[in-house]
Amino acid sequence: MTFDILLFAVLTLLIVLLIMQNRRRRKEIELMQGSLTVGSEVILHAGIKGKIVSLSDDEVEIESAGSKLRVVRGAVGKVISAGEK
């Protein structure tokens, strides 16, 4: 009986920790995508690197290798800082 309760408590704790971690990660991604500015260098989830040329509410236009791509903000995976170049 006590083993069942202990097992249930551990599983509940693991689920709660996973949910909290997922919320934190989602919030960090939303903050990063909300703080995009023209001129920032980004990497898309597809692995494409480029510089932001223009922004709208839900789309980002990047220039990569001489061509321009228009993608949704959710496609931006990472902002490249000056130290990572």
N, C-alpha and C. Protein backbone atom coordinates (compact mmCIF):
# COMPACT_ATOMS: atom_id res chain seq x y z
N MET A 1 0.82 -1.19 0.00
CA MET A 1 0.00 0.00 0.00
C MET A 1 0.86 1.26 0.00
N THR A 2 1.84 1.34 0.89
CA THR A 2 2.69 2.54 0.94
C THR A 2 3.57 2.66 -0.29
N PHE A 3 3.95 1.52 -0.88
CA PHE A 3 4.74 1.56 -2.11
C PHE A 3 3.94 2.18 -3.24
N ASP A 4 2.66 1.84 -3.32
CA ASP A 4 1.79 2.40 -4.35
C ASP A 4 1.65 3.91 -4.19
N ILE A 5 1.50 4.36 -2.96
CA ILE A 5 1.36 5.79 -2.71
C ILE A 5 2.65 6.52 -3.05
N LEU A 6 3.79 5.92 -2.68
CA LEU A 6 5.09 6.52 -2.98
C LEU A 6 5.32 6.59 -4.49
N LEU A 7 4.99 5.53 -5.19
CA LEU A 7 5.13 5.51 -6.65
C LEU A 7 4.24 6.56 -7.30
N PHE A 8 3.02 6.67 -6.83
CA PHE A 8 2.10 7.68 -7.36
C PHE A 8 2.63 9.09 -7.10
N ALA A 9 3.18 9.33 -5.91
CA ALA A 9 3.72 10.66 -5.56
C ALA A 9 4.92 11.00 -6.44
N VAL A 10 5.79 10.05 -6.69
CA VAL A 10 6.97 10.29 -7.54
C VAL A 10 6.53 10.58 -8.97
N LEU A 11 5.60 9.81 -9.49
CA LEU A 11 5.11 10.06 -10.85
C LEU A 11 4.44 11.42 -10.97
N THR A 12 3.66 11.79 -9.98
CA THR A 12 3.01 13.10 -9.97
C THR A 12 4.05 14.22 -9.95
N LEU A 13 5.07 14.07 -9.14
CA LEU A 13 6.14 15.07 -9.07
C LEU A 13 6.86 15.20 -10.40
N LEU A 14 7.16 14.09 -11.05
CA LEU A 14 7.83 14.13 -12.35
C LEU A 14 6.97 14.83 -13.40
N ILE A 15 5.69 14.56 -13.40
CA ILE A 15 4.79 15.21 -14.36
C ILE A 15 4.73 16.70 -14.11
N VAL A 16 4.63 17.11 -12.87
CA VAL A 16 4.60 18.54 -12.54
C VAL A 16 5.89 19.21 -12.97
N LEU A 17 7.03 18.59 -12.72
CA LEU A 17 8.32 19.16 -13.13
C LEU A 17 8.43 19.29 -14.65
N LEU A 18 7.95 18.30 -15.38
CA LEU A 18 7.97 18.37 -16.84
C LEU A 18 7.09 19.49 -17.36
N ILE A 19 5.93 19.68 -16.77
CA ILE A 19 5.03 20.75 -17.19
C ILE A 19 5.66 22.11 -16.92
N MET A 20 6.28 22.27 -15.73
CA MET A 20 6.91 23.55 -15.40
C MET A 20 8.07 23.86 -16.34
N GLN A 21 8.87 22.84 -16.66
CA GLN A 21 9.99 23.04 -17.57
C GLN A 21 9.50 23.42 -18.97
N ASN A 22 8.44 22.78 -19.42
CA ASN A 22 7.88 23.09 -20.73
C ASN A 22 7.36 24.52 -20.79
N ARG A 23 6.69 24.98 -19.74
CA ARG A 23 6.19 26.36 -19.70
C ARG A 23 7.34 27.36 -19.73
N ARG A 24 8.40 27.08 -18.95
CA ARG A 24 9.55 27.98 -18.91
C ARG A 24 10.21 28.08 -20.28
N ARG A 25 10.39 26.94 -20.95
CA ARG A 25 11.01 26.92 -22.26
C ARG A 25 10.16 27.68 -23.28
N ARG A 26 8.83 27.47 -23.22
CA ARG A 26 7.93 28.16 -24.15
C ARG A 26 7.98 29.68 -23.93
N LYS A 27 8.05 30.10 -22.66
CA LYS A 27 8.11 31.53 -22.35
C LYS A 27 9.42 32.14 -22.86
N GLU A 28 10.54 31.43 -22.72
CA GLU A 28 11.82 31.92 -23.23
C GLU A 28 11.79 32.08 -24.75
N ILE A 29 11.18 31.13 -25.43
CA ILE A 29 11.08 31.20 -26.89
C ILE A 29 10.21 32.38 -27.31
N GLU A 30 9.08 32.58 -26.62
CA GLU A 30 8.20 33.71 -26.95
C GLU A 30 8.91 35.04 -26.72
N LEU A 31 9.69 35.14 -25.64
CA LEU A 31 10.44 36.38 -25.38
C LEU A 31 11.48 36.62 -26.47
N MET A 32 12.18 35.57 -26.88
CA MET A 32 13.20 35.71 -27.93
C MET A 32 12.55 36.15 -29.25
N GLN A 33 11.45 35.51 -29.62
CA GLN A 33 10.80 35.85 -30.87
C GLN A 33 10.12 37.22 -30.81
N GLY A 34 9.73 37.66 -29.64
CA GLY A 34 9.13 38.98 -29.48
C GLY A 34 10.16 40.09 -29.49
N SER A 35 11.41 39.77 -29.21
CA SER A 35 12.45 40.79 -29.14
C SER A 35 13.28 40.89 -30.43
N LEU A 36 12.80 40.31 -31.51
CA LEU A 36 13.54 40.39 -32.77
C LEU A 36 13.56 41.82 -33.28
N THR A 37 14.70 42.23 -33.83
CA THR A 37 14.82 43.57 -34.39
C THR A 37 15.45 43.48 -35.77
N VAL A 38 15.23 44.49 -36.57
CA VAL A 38 15.83 44.56 -37.91
C VAL A 38 17.35 44.63 -37.74
N GLY A 39 18.06 43.81 -38.50
CA GLY A 39 19.51 43.78 -38.44
C GLY A 39 20.05 42.63 -37.60
N SER A 40 19.19 41.98 -36.82
CA SER A 40 19.64 40.85 -36.02
C SER A 40 19.94 39.66 -36.93
N GLU A 41 20.96 38.89 -36.57
CA GLU A 41 21.25 37.67 -37.31
C GLU A 41 20.57 36.52 -36.59
N VAL A 42 19.89 35.68 -37.36
CA VAL A 42 19.11 34.59 -36.78
C VAL A 42 19.41 33.28 -37.49
N ILE A 43 19.03 32.20 -36.81
CA ILE A 43 19.06 30.87 -37.40
C ILE A 43 17.63 30.34 -37.35
N LEU A 44 17.12 29.90 -38.48
CA LEU A 44 15.79 29.32 -38.53
C LEU A 44 15.85 27.87 -38.07
N HIS A 45 14.71 27.30 -37.75
CA HIS A 45 14.66 25.90 -37.32
C HIS A 45 15.16 24.97 -38.43
N ALA A 46 15.09 25.40 -39.66
CA ALA A 46 15.56 24.60 -40.78
C ALA A 46 17.08 24.68 -40.94
N GLY A 47 17.73 25.53 -40.14
CA GLY A 47 19.18 25.64 -40.21
C GLY A 47 19.67 26.78 -41.09
N ILE A 48 18.78 27.57 -41.62
CA ILE A 48 19.16 28.68 -42.49
C ILE A 48 19.56 29.87 -41.64
N LYS A 49 20.75 30.44 -41.95
CA LYS A 49 21.21 31.64 -41.26
C LYS A 49 20.90 32.84 -42.12
N GLY A 50 20.57 33.95 -41.49
CA GLY A 50 20.30 35.17 -42.24
C GLY A 50 20.16 36.37 -41.33
N LYS A 51 20.05 37.53 -41.97
CA LYS A 51 19.89 38.79 -41.26
C LYS A 51 18.48 39.29 -41.49
N ILE A 52 17.84 39.78 -40.43
CA ILE A 52 16.47 40.27 -40.53
C ILE A 52 16.45 41.59 -41.30
N VAL A 53 15.63 41.64 -42.35
CA VAL A 53 15.49 42.83 -43.18
C VAL A 53 14.25 43.62 -42.79
N SER A 54 13.15 42.92 -42.53
CA SER A 54 11.92 43.60 -42.12
C SER A 54 11.10 42.68 -41.22
N LEU A 55 10.24 43.32 -40.44
CA LEU A 55 9.39 42.60 -39.49
C LEU A 55 7.95 43.04 -39.66
N SER A 56 7.04 42.13 -39.44
CA SER A 56 5.62 42.47 -39.30
C SER A 56 5.12 41.73 -38.06
N ASP A 57 3.83 41.79 -37.81
CA ASP A 57 3.30 41.17 -36.60
C ASP A 57 3.59 39.68 -36.51
N ASP A 58 3.40 38.96 -37.61
CA ASP A 58 3.58 37.52 -37.56
C ASP A 58 4.59 36.97 -38.57
N GLU A 59 5.25 37.85 -39.33
CA GLU A 59 6.21 37.39 -40.32
C GLU A 59 7.54 38.13 -40.18
N VAL A 60 8.60 37.45 -40.62
CA VAL A 60 9.95 38.00 -40.60
C VAL A 60 10.53 37.80 -41.99
N GLU A 61 11.16 38.83 -42.53
CA GLU A 61 11.83 38.70 -43.82
C GLU A 61 13.33 38.71 -43.54
N ILE A 62 14.01 37.64 -43.97
CA ILE A 62 15.45 37.58 -43.76
C ILE A 62 16.17 37.52 -45.10
N GLU A 63 17.39 38.01 -45.09
CA GLU A 63 18.24 37.94 -46.27
C GLU A 63 19.33 36.92 -45.99
N SER A 64 19.44 35.94 -46.89
CA SER A 64 20.41 34.87 -46.72
C SER A 64 21.00 34.53 -48.08
N ALA A 65 22.31 34.65 -48.20
CA ALA A 65 23.02 34.31 -49.43
C ALA A 65 22.46 35.05 -50.64
N GLY A 66 22.14 36.31 -50.47
CA GLY A 66 21.67 37.14 -51.56
C GLY A 66 20.20 37.01 -51.90
N SER A 67 19.48 36.13 -51.23
CA SER A 67 18.05 35.99 -51.49
C SER A 67 17.28 36.34 -50.22
N LYS A 68 16.03 36.73 -50.42
CA LYS A 68 15.18 37.09 -49.29
C LYS A 68 14.13 36.02 -49.07
N LEU A 69 13.94 35.68 -47.79
CA LEU A 69 12.94 34.70 -47.41
C LEU A 69 11.94 35.35 -46.47
N ARG A 70 10.67 35.05 -46.66
CA ARG A 70 9.63 35.56 -45.76
C ARG A 70 9.10 34.35 -45.00
N VAL A 71 9.28 34.35 -43.67
CA VAL A 71 8.88 33.22 -42.84
C VAL A 71 8.07 33.74 -41.64
N VAL A 72 7.35 32.84 -41.00
CA VAL A 72 6.63 33.20 -39.79
C VAL A 72 7.61 33.32 -38.63
N ARG A 73 7.25 34.13 -37.63
CA ARG A 73 8.15 34.34 -36.47
C ARG A 73 8.49 33.03 -35.78
N GLY A 74 7.57 32.09 -35.77
CA GLY A 74 7.80 30.82 -35.10
C GLY A 74 8.91 30.00 -35.71
N ALA A 75 9.32 30.33 -36.94
CA ALA A 75 10.39 29.59 -37.61
C ALA A 75 11.76 30.00 -37.10
N VAL A 76 11.85 31.14 -36.39
CA VAL A 76 13.14 31.60 -35.88
C VAL A 76 13.49 30.77 -34.66
N GLY A 77 14.62 30.09 -34.73
CA GLY A 77 15.03 29.22 -33.64
C GLY A 77 16.00 29.85 -32.68
N LYS A 78 16.84 30.78 -33.19
CA LYS A 78 17.88 31.35 -32.34
C LYS A 78 18.35 32.67 -32.91
N VAL A 79 18.67 33.60 -32.02
CA VAL A 79 19.28 34.86 -32.42
C VAL A 79 20.78 34.70 -32.17
N ILE A 80 21.59 34.98 -33.20
CA ILE A 80 23.03 34.85 -33.08
C ILE A 80 23.59 36.14 -32.46
N SER A 81 24.27 35.99 -31.35
CA SER A 81 24.88 37.15 -30.71
C SER A 81 26.21 37.46 -31.38
N ALA A 82 26.78 38.62 -31.09
CA ALA A 82 28.04 39.04 -31.69
C ALA A 82 29.17 38.09 -31.33
N GLY A 83 29.14 37.48 -30.15
CA GLY A 83 30.19 36.58 -29.73
C GLY A 83 30.16 35.23 -30.42
N GLU A 84 29.01 34.84 -31.01
CA GLU A 84 28.87 33.54 -31.64
C GLU A 84 29.22 33.56 -33.12
N LYS A 85 29.43 34.73 -33.70
CA LYS A 85 29.69 34.82 -35.14
C LYS A 85 30.99 34.29 -35.47
